[in-house]
């Protein structure tokens, strides 16, 4: 399993527009081999800024890398920077992680 994460620091006054931008995106991630799941997370507010993180889970790092070379990636990021840079501070912090352990609940859903 491979997890790709982007972190964004968003001024509180831009939070609603930032969330609307993400919630309105057509990511097309579900079209790609190896895609497992996506989460857009809202974190704490500190000093008038809110931390957001996007987490994308892939079967492997190679599946993630293939996505970054895909048409779906180009389409999803075609308008990146057109207004979004004004919604968050600086560039997103991109991080990738390979799972070394995975524990799942044994309780029935």
N, C-alpha and C. Protein backbone atom coordinates (compact mmCIF):
# COMPACT_ATOMS: atom_id res chain seq x y z
N UNK A 1 0.84 -1.17 0.00
CA UNK A 1 0.00 0.00 0.00
C UNK A 1 0.89 1.23 0.00
N UNK A 2 0.46 2.26 -0.74
CA UNK A 2 1.19 3.52 -0.83
C UNK A 2 0.20 4.65 -0.59
N UNK A 3 0.57 5.59 0.27
CA UNK A 3 -0.28 6.72 0.58
C UNK A 3 0.41 7.99 0.13
N UNK A 4 -0.25 8.76 -0.72
CA UNK A 4 0.26 10.07 -1.17
C UNK A 4 -0.55 11.14 -0.46
N UNK A 5 0.15 12.13 0.10
CA UNK A 5 -0.51 13.15 0.89
C UNK A 5 -0.04 14.53 0.44
N UNK A 6 -0.98 15.44 0.34
CA UNK A 6 -0.70 16.86 0.12
C UNK A 6 -1.28 17.62 1.30
N UNK A 7 -0.49 18.53 1.86
CA UNK A 7 -0.98 19.36 2.96
C UNK A 7 -1.08 20.81 2.49
N UNK A 8 -2.16 21.45 2.88
CA UNK A 8 -2.45 22.83 2.50
C UNK A 8 -2.72 23.65 3.75
N UNK A 9 -2.16 24.83 3.82
CA UNK A 9 -2.46 25.77 4.89
C UNK A 9 -3.35 26.85 4.30
N UNK A 10 -4.56 26.94 4.83
CA UNK A 10 -5.58 27.81 4.24
C UNK A 10 -6.01 28.88 5.25
N UNK A 11 -5.92 30.16 4.87
CA UNK A 11 -6.47 31.20 5.74
C UNK A 11 -7.95 30.90 6.02
N UNK A 12 -8.37 31.07 7.25
CA UNK A 12 -9.75 30.71 7.65
C UNK A 12 -10.79 31.37 6.76
N UNK A 13 -10.54 32.59 6.30
CA UNK A 13 -11.53 33.28 5.47
C UNK A 13 -11.66 32.64 4.08
N UNK A 14 -10.72 31.77 3.70
CA UNK A 14 -10.78 31.09 2.40
C UNK A 14 -11.28 29.65 2.51
N UNK A 15 -11.58 29.21 3.73
CA UNK A 15 -11.92 27.81 3.95
C UNK A 15 -13.13 27.35 3.12
N UNK A 16 -14.20 28.12 3.11
CA UNK A 16 -15.41 27.71 2.38
C UNK A 16 -15.12 27.57 0.88
N UNK A 17 -14.40 28.52 0.30
CA UNK A 17 -14.07 28.46 -1.13
C UNK A 17 -13.12 27.30 -1.42
N UNK A 18 -12.16 27.06 -0.54
CA UNK A 18 -11.22 25.96 -0.72
C UNK A 18 -11.97 24.62 -0.69
N UNK A 19 -12.85 24.46 0.29
CA UNK A 19 -13.63 23.22 0.39
C UNK A 19 -14.53 23.04 -0.82
N UNK A 20 -15.17 24.11 -1.28
CA UNK A 20 -16.04 24.03 -2.46
C UNK A 20 -15.25 23.62 -3.69
N UNK A 21 -14.03 24.14 -3.82
CA UNK A 21 -13.18 23.78 -4.95
C UNK A 21 -12.91 22.27 -4.94
N UNK A 22 -12.55 21.72 -3.79
CA UNK A 22 -12.24 20.29 -3.70
C UNK A 22 -13.49 19.43 -3.87
N UNK A 23 -14.57 19.83 -3.25
CA UNK A 23 -15.79 19.03 -3.31
C UNK A 23 -16.41 19.05 -4.71
N UNK A 24 -16.09 20.07 -5.51
CA UNK A 24 -16.63 20.18 -6.85
C UNK A 24 -15.75 19.57 -7.94
N UNK A 25 -14.60 19.02 -7.57
CA UNK A 25 -13.67 18.45 -8.55
C UNK A 25 -14.15 17.11 -9.08
N UNK A 26 -13.83 16.87 -10.34
CA UNK A 26 -14.07 15.55 -10.94
C UNK A 26 -12.71 14.88 -11.06
N UNK A 27 -12.29 14.15 -10.04
CA UNK A 27 -10.92 13.65 -9.98
C UNK A 27 -10.66 12.47 -10.92
N UNK A 28 -11.67 11.66 -11.18
CA UNK A 28 -11.56 10.48 -12.04
C UNK A 28 -10.58 9.44 -11.49
N UNK A 29 -10.25 9.54 -10.21
CA UNK A 29 -9.34 8.58 -9.60
C UNK A 29 -9.86 7.15 -9.71
N UNK A 30 -11.17 7.00 -9.59
CA UNK A 30 -11.75 5.66 -9.61
C UNK A 30 -11.60 4.96 -10.96
N UNK A 31 -11.12 5.65 -11.98
CA UNK A 31 -10.89 5.04 -13.29
C UNK A 31 -9.54 4.33 -13.37
N UNK A 32 -8.70 4.52 -12.38
CA UNK A 32 -7.30 4.08 -12.47
C UNK A 32 -7.03 2.77 -11.75
N UNK A 33 -6.21 1.95 -12.38
CA UNK A 33 -5.76 0.71 -11.75
C UNK A 33 -4.97 1.04 -10.50
N UNK A 34 -5.20 0.30 -9.46
CA UNK A 34 -4.44 0.46 -8.23
C UNK A 34 -4.97 1.50 -7.27
N UNK A 35 -5.97 2.28 -7.68
CA UNK A 35 -6.56 3.27 -6.78
C UNK A 35 -7.39 2.55 -5.72
N UNK A 36 -7.21 2.93 -4.46
CA UNK A 36 -7.95 2.31 -3.35
C UNK A 36 -8.98 3.28 -2.79
N UNK A 37 -8.52 4.47 -2.34
CA UNK A 37 -9.46 5.43 -1.77
C UNK A 37 -8.82 6.80 -1.66
N UNK A 38 -9.69 7.80 -1.47
CA UNK A 38 -9.27 9.19 -1.32
C UNK A 38 -10.00 9.79 -0.14
N UNK A 39 -9.28 10.63 0.60
CA UNK A 39 -9.87 11.38 1.71
C UNK A 39 -9.37 12.81 1.64
N UNK A 40 -10.27 13.77 1.77
CA UNK A 40 -9.87 15.17 1.95
C UNK A 40 -10.18 15.48 3.40
N UNK A 41 -9.16 15.84 4.15
CA UNK A 41 -9.28 15.99 5.60
C UNK A 41 -9.12 17.45 6.01
N UNK A 42 -9.93 17.85 6.97
CA UNK A 42 -9.85 19.19 7.54
C UNK A 42 -9.27 19.06 8.94
N UNK A 43 -8.19 19.77 9.18
CA UNK A 43 -7.52 19.69 10.47
C UNK A 43 -7.81 20.88 11.35
N UNK A 44 -6.92 21.11 12.29
CA UNK A 44 -7.14 22.18 13.27
C UNK A 44 -6.90 23.57 12.69
N UNK A 45 -7.51 24.54 13.35
CA UNK A 45 -7.26 25.95 13.02
C UNK A 45 -6.28 26.49 14.05
N UNK A 46 -5.28 27.20 13.56
CA UNK A 46 -4.30 27.81 14.44
C UNK A 46 -3.86 29.13 13.83
N UNK A 47 -3.92 30.18 14.60
CA UNK A 47 -3.50 31.51 14.15
C UNK A 47 -4.21 31.94 12.87
N UNK A 48 -5.51 31.64 12.78
CA UNK A 48 -6.30 32.07 11.63
C UNK A 48 -6.07 31.26 10.37
N UNK A 49 -5.42 30.10 10.49
CA UNK A 49 -5.15 29.24 9.34
C UNK A 49 -5.63 27.83 9.66
N UNK A 50 -6.16 27.15 8.64
CA UNK A 50 -6.68 25.79 8.81
C UNK A 50 -5.80 24.85 7.99
N UNK A 51 -5.43 23.73 8.60
CA UNK A 51 -4.64 22.71 7.91
C UNK A 51 -5.59 21.72 7.23
N UNK A 52 -5.37 21.49 5.94
CA UNK A 52 -6.10 20.48 5.18
C UNK A 52 -5.08 19.48 4.64
N UNK A 53 -5.52 18.23 4.46
CA UNK A 53 -4.65 17.22 3.87
C UNK A 53 -5.48 16.33 2.95
N UNK A 54 -4.96 16.11 1.76
CA UNK A 54 -5.58 15.13 0.87
C UNK A 54 -4.76 13.86 0.96
N UNK A 55 -5.44 12.73 1.15
CA UNK A 55 -4.79 11.42 1.24
C UNK A 55 -5.34 10.54 0.14
N UNK A 56 -4.46 10.03 -0.68
CA UNK A 56 -4.85 9.09 -1.72
C UNK A 56 -4.13 7.78 -1.45
N UNK A 57 -4.88 6.69 -1.37
CA UNK A 57 -4.31 5.38 -1.09
C UNK A 57 -4.28 4.58 -2.39
N UNK A 58 -3.12 3.99 -2.65
CA UNK A 58 -2.87 3.19 -3.86
C UNK A 58 -2.39 1.81 -3.47
N UNK A 59 -2.56 0.84 -4.35
CA UNK A 59 -2.06 -0.50 -4.10
C UNK A 59 -0.53 -0.51 -4.01
N UNK A 60 0.12 0.38 -4.77
CA UNK A 60 1.59 0.43 -4.77
C UNK A 60 2.05 1.82 -5.19
N UNK A 61 3.33 2.10 -4.96
CA UNK A 61 3.89 3.37 -5.40
C UNK A 61 3.87 3.46 -6.92
N UNK A 62 4.07 2.34 -7.61
CA UNK A 62 4.04 2.36 -9.08
C UNK A 62 2.66 2.75 -9.60
N UNK A 63 1.59 2.30 -8.94
CA UNK A 63 0.24 2.73 -9.34
C UNK A 63 0.10 4.24 -9.18
N UNK A 64 0.62 4.78 -8.08
CA UNK A 64 0.58 6.22 -7.87
C UNK A 64 1.36 6.94 -8.97
N UNK A 65 2.57 6.47 -9.26
CA UNK A 65 3.40 7.10 -10.30
C UNK A 65 2.71 7.05 -11.66
N UNK A 66 2.04 5.95 -11.96
CA UNK A 66 1.30 5.83 -13.22
C UNK A 66 0.19 6.88 -13.29
N UNK A 67 -0.47 7.13 -12.16
CA UNK A 67 -1.51 8.16 -12.13
C UNK A 67 -0.92 9.52 -12.47
N UNK A 68 0.28 9.83 -11.94
CA UNK A 68 0.86 11.15 -12.19
C UNK A 68 1.23 11.34 -13.66
N UNK A 69 1.28 10.26 -14.42
CA UNK A 69 1.57 10.34 -15.86
C UNK A 69 0.30 10.18 -16.72
N UNK A 70 -0.84 10.08 -16.07
CA UNK A 70 -2.09 9.77 -16.78
C UNK A 70 -2.83 11.01 -17.28
N UNK A 71 -3.73 10.78 -18.21
CA UNK A 71 -4.60 11.86 -18.69
C UNK A 71 -5.52 12.33 -17.57
N UNK A 72 -5.94 11.42 -16.72
CA UNK A 72 -6.80 11.80 -15.59
C UNK A 72 -6.09 12.80 -14.68
N UNK A 73 -4.79 12.59 -14.46
CA UNK A 73 -4.01 13.53 -13.65
C UNK A 73 -3.93 14.88 -14.33
N UNK A 74 -3.62 14.88 -15.62
CA UNK A 74 -3.52 16.15 -16.35
C UNK A 74 -4.86 16.88 -16.34
N UNK A 75 -5.95 16.16 -16.53
CA UNK A 75 -7.27 16.79 -16.51
C UNK A 75 -7.60 17.36 -15.13
N UNK A 76 -7.30 16.60 -14.07
CA UNK A 76 -7.63 17.03 -12.71
C UNK A 76 -6.82 18.24 -12.28
N UNK A 77 -5.62 18.40 -12.86
CA UNK A 77 -4.74 19.50 -12.47
C UNK A 77 -4.64 20.60 -13.52
N UNK A 78 -5.48 20.54 -14.53
CA UNK A 78 -5.42 21.50 -15.64
C UNK A 78 -5.60 22.94 -15.16
N UNK A 79 -6.43 23.13 -14.14
CA UNK A 79 -6.68 24.49 -13.65
C UNK A 79 -5.97 24.78 -12.35
N UNK A 80 -5.06 23.90 -11.94
CA UNK A 80 -4.33 24.12 -10.69
C UNK A 80 -3.56 25.43 -10.78
N UNK A 81 -3.64 26.19 -9.74
CA UNK A 81 -2.94 27.48 -9.72
C UNK A 81 -3.78 28.62 -10.25
N UNK A 82 -4.87 28.33 -10.94
CA UNK A 82 -5.74 29.39 -11.45
C UNK A 82 -6.74 29.75 -10.36
N UNK A 83 -6.30 30.57 -9.46
CA UNK A 83 -7.17 30.97 -8.35
C UNK A 83 -6.94 30.17 -7.09
N UNK A 84 -6.54 28.90 -7.19
CA UNK A 84 -6.37 28.10 -5.99
C UNK A 84 -5.19 28.58 -5.16
N UNK A 85 -4.14 29.11 -5.79
CA UNK A 85 -3.00 29.60 -5.03
C UNK A 85 -3.41 30.74 -4.11
N UNK A 86 -4.43 31.47 -4.48
CA UNK A 86 -4.90 32.55 -3.64
C UNK A 86 -5.69 32.02 -2.44
N UNK A 87 -6.15 30.77 -2.52
CA UNK A 87 -6.94 30.18 -1.44
C UNK A 87 -6.07 29.59 -0.34
N UNK A 88 -4.85 29.16 -0.67
CA UNK A 88 -3.97 28.58 0.34
C UNK A 88 -2.60 29.25 0.28
N UNK A 89 -1.87 29.13 1.36
CA UNK A 89 -0.54 29.74 1.46
C UNK A 89 0.49 28.87 0.76
N UNK A 90 1.25 29.44 -0.15
CA UNK A 90 2.34 28.72 -0.79
C UNK A 90 1.90 27.50 -1.57
N UNK A 91 2.86 26.65 -1.86
CA UNK A 91 2.58 25.40 -2.58
C UNK A 91 2.20 24.31 -1.57
N UNK A 92 1.38 23.33 -2.01
CA UNK A 92 1.07 22.23 -1.10
C UNK A 92 2.33 21.43 -0.78
N UNK A 93 2.38 20.87 0.40
CA UNK A 93 3.50 20.01 0.79
C UNK A 93 3.14 18.58 0.40
N UNK A 94 3.89 18.01 -0.52
CA UNK A 94 3.62 16.68 -1.05
C UNK A 94 4.50 15.67 -0.33
N UNK A 95 3.88 14.59 0.16
CA UNK A 95 4.60 13.53 0.86
C UNK A 95 4.06 12.17 0.42
N UNK A 96 4.91 11.18 0.35
CA UNK A 96 4.50 9.83 0.00
C UNK A 96 5.00 8.84 1.02
N UNK A 97 4.19 7.83 1.30
CA UNK A 97 4.52 6.84 2.32
C UNK A 97 4.18 5.44 1.82
N UNK A 98 5.08 4.50 2.09
CA UNK A 98 4.83 3.09 1.83
C UNK A 98 4.46 2.44 3.16
N UNK A 99 3.37 1.69 3.17
CA UNK A 99 2.92 1.05 4.40
C UNK A 99 3.88 -0.06 4.80
N UNK A 100 4.25 -0.09 6.07
CA UNK A 100 5.05 -1.19 6.59
C UNK A 100 4.23 -2.06 7.53
N UNK A 101 3.04 -1.56 7.90
CA UNK A 101 2.11 -2.33 8.71
C UNK A 101 0.71 -1.84 8.45
N UNK A 102 -0.25 -2.74 8.44
CA UNK A 102 -1.65 -2.37 8.26
C UNK A 102 -2.48 -3.21 9.22
N UNK A 103 -3.27 -2.55 10.05
CA UNK A 103 -4.18 -3.21 10.96
C UNK A 103 -5.59 -2.81 10.60
N UNK A 104 -6.49 -3.73 10.58
CA UNK A 104 -7.90 -3.44 10.26
C UNK A 104 -8.78 -3.91 11.41
N UNK A 105 -9.92 -3.29 11.53
CA UNK A 105 -10.87 -3.67 12.55
C UNK A 105 -11.38 -5.08 12.31
N UNK A 106 -11.57 -5.81 13.37
CA UNK A 106 -12.14 -7.16 13.26
C UNK A 106 -13.64 -7.14 13.56
N UNK A 107 -14.17 -5.95 13.89
CA UNK A 107 -15.59 -5.81 14.18
C UNK A 107 -16.37 -5.76 12.89
N UNK A 108 -17.52 -6.39 12.87
CA UNK A 108 -18.39 -6.35 11.68
C UNK A 108 -18.94 -4.95 11.52
N UNK A 109 -19.04 -4.50 10.28
CA UNK A 109 -19.54 -3.15 10.00
C UNK A 109 -21.04 -3.09 10.12
